[in-house]
Amino acid sequence: MLPPVPPVAVSRPLLFGLVAVGAVVAVATPQPTSSFAAGFAAGAGSAFVVSFMKTPRRGGSPQSDDRGPEP
């Protein structure tokens, strides 16, 4: 039995770019390619959303940070 493959870290700008390219291609091309590009954009978009949900966020703006000013 093969060991499980760890997930690959992908940058959010790359995912955002894939969504944008897929959306543009879906609008600009005829049906077979358009359907594939729309599905591609939806898949990259869902990965984009999941990456935001999985990453813990600090609340508020940098001014509301509890650590105080940096030296």
C-alpha atoms as a PDB file:
ATOM      1  CA  MET A   1       0.000   0.000   0.000  1.00  0.00           C
ATOM      2  CA  LEU A   2       1.320   3.440  -0.929  1.00  0.00           C
ATOM      3  CA  PRO A   3       1.674   6.158   1.731  1.00  0.00           C
ATOM      4  CA  PRO A   4      -0.792   9.053   1.487  1.00  0.00           C
ATOM      5  CA  VAL A   5       0.382  12.030  -0.543  1.00  0.00           C
ATOM      6  CA  PRO A   6       0.530  15.278   1.463  1.00  0.00           C
ATOM      7  CA  PRO A   7      -1.452  18.221   0.090  1.00  0.00           C
ATOM      8  CA  VAL A   8       0.422  20.655  -2.103  1.00  0.00           C
ATOM      9  CA  ALA A   9       0.598  24.260  -0.950  1.00  0.00           C
ATOM     10  CA  VAL A  10      -0.646  26.579  -3.686  1.00  0.00           C
ATOM     11  CA  SER A  11      -0.524  30.340  -3.450  1.00  0.00           C
ATOM     12  CA  ARG A  12      -3.759  32.277  -3.394  1.00  0.00           C
ATOM     13  CA  PRO A  13      -2.690  34.632  -6.207  1.00  0.00           C
ATOM     14  CA  LEU A  14      -2.158  31.572  -8.422  1.00  0.00           C
ATOM     15  CA  LEU A  15      -5.629  30.245  -7.572  1.00  0.00           C
ATOM     16  CA  PHE A  16      -7.135  33.670  -8.205  1.00  0.00           C
ATOM     17  CA  GLY A  17      -5.373  33.813 -11.569  1.00  0.00           C
ATOM     18  CA  LEU A  18      -6.703  30.377 -12.510  1.00  0.00           C
ATOM     19  CA  VAL A  19     -10.233  31.485 -11.645  1.00  0.00           C
ATOM     20  CA  ALA A  20      -9.860  34.648 -13.718  1.00  0.00           C
ATOM     21  CA  VAL A  21      -8.399  32.845 -16.742  1.00  0.00           C
ATOM     22  CA  GLY A  22     -11.063  30.134 -16.565  1.00  0.00           C
ATOM     23  CA  ALA A  23     -13.849  32.712 -16.387  1.00  0.00           C
ATOM     24  CA  VAL A  24     -12.512  34.693 -19.355  1.00  0.00           C
ATOM     25  CA  VAL A  25     -12.025  31.566 -21.460  1.00  0.00           C
ATOM     26  CA  ALA A  26     -15.530  30.354 -20.521  1.00  0.00           C
ATOM     27  CA  VAL A  27     -17.034  33.590 -21.825  1.00  0.00           C
ATOM     28  CA  ALA A  28     -14.844  33.999 -24.916  1.00  0.00           C
ATOM     29  CA  THR A  29     -14.836  30.495 -26.437  1.00  0.00           C
ATOM     30  CA  PRO A  30     -17.439  28.208 -28.054  1.00  0.00           C
ATOM     31  CA  GLN A  31     -19.301  25.494 -26.160  1.00  0.00           C
ATOM     32  CA  PRO A  32     -16.961  22.493 -25.584  1.00  0.00           C
ATOM     33  CA  THR A  33     -14.036  24.607 -24.411  1.00  0.00           C
ATOM     34  CA  SER A  34     -16.372  26.983 -22.606  1.00  0.00           C
ATOM     35  CA  SER A  35     -17.837  24.197 -20.463  1.00  0.00           C
ATOM     36  CA  PHE A  36     -14.404  22.888 -19.526  1.00  0.00           C
ATOM     37  CA  ALA A  37     -13.137  26.374 -18.625  1.00  0.00           C
ATOM     38  CA  ALA A  38     -16.225  27.083 -16.504  1.00  0.00           C
ATOM     39  CA  GLY A  39     -15.693  23.860 -14.556  1.00  0.00           C
ATOM     40  CA  PHE A  40     -11.998  24.651 -14.199  1.00  0.00           C
ATOM     41  CA  ALA A  41     -12.794  28.127 -12.830  1.00  0.00           C
ATOM     42  CA  ALA A  42     -15.358  26.678 -10.413  1.00  0.00           C
ATOM     43  CA  GLY A  43     -12.851  24.102  -9.129  1.00  0.00           C
ATOM     44  CA  ALA A  44     -10.087  26.665  -8.671  1.00  0.00           C
ATOM     45  CA  GLY A  45     -12.574  29.023  -7.018  1.00  0.00           C
ATOM     46  CA  SER A  46     -13.659  26.400  -4.523  1.00  0.00           C
ATOM     47  CA  ALA A  47     -10.003  25.668  -3.673  1.00  0.00           C
ATOM     48  CA  PHE A  48      -9.517  29.417  -3.234  1.00  0.00           C
ATOM     49  CA  VAL A  49     -12.445  29.617  -0.791  1.00  0.00           C
ATOM     50  CA  VAL A  50     -11.318  26.525   1.134  1.00  0.00           C
ATOM     51  CA  SER A  51      -7.815  27.990   1.511  1.00  0.00           C
ATOM     52  CA  PHE A  52      -9.309  31.098   3.127  1.00  0.00           C
ATOM     53  CA  MET A  53     -11.489  29.003   5.449  1.00  0.00           C
ATOM     54  CA  LYS A  54      -8.620  26.757   6.586  1.00  0.00           C
ATOM     55  CA  THR A  55      -6.134  29.550   7.344  1.00  0.00           C
ATOM     56  CA  PRO A  56      -6.559  31.126  10.786  1.00  0.00           C
ATOM     57  CA  ARG A  57      -7.030  34.872  10.661  1.00  0.00           C
ATOM     58  CA  ARG A  58      -6.078  37.544  13.122  1.00  0.00           C
ATOM     59  CA  GLY A  59      -9.021  39.807  13.818  1.00  0.00           C
ATOM     60  CA  GLY A  60      -9.104  43.446  12.867  1.00  0.00           C
ATOM     61  CA  SER A  61      -6.621  45.727  11.235  1.00  0.00           C
ATOM     62  CA  PRO A  62      -2.911  46.012  12.090  1.00  0.00           C
ATOM     63  CA  GLN A  63      -3.748  48.963  14.351  1.00  0.00           C
ATOM     64  CA  SER A  64      -5.883  46.720  16.589  1.00  0.00           C
ATOM     65  CA  ASP A  65      -3.054  44.245  17.218  1.00  0.00           C
ATOM     66  CA  ASP A  66      -2.562  43.435  20.919  1.00  0.00           C
ATOM     67  CA  ARG A  67       1.205  43.023  20.679  1.00  0.00           C
ATOM     68  CA  GLY A  68       1.873  46.727  20.713  1.00  0.00           C
ATOM     69  CA  PRO A  69       4.176  48.722  18.450  1.00  0.00           C
ATOM     70  CA  GLU A  70       7.057  46.984  16.774  1.00  0.00           C
ATOM     71  CA  PRO A  71      10.569  48.116  17.752  1.00  0.00           C
END
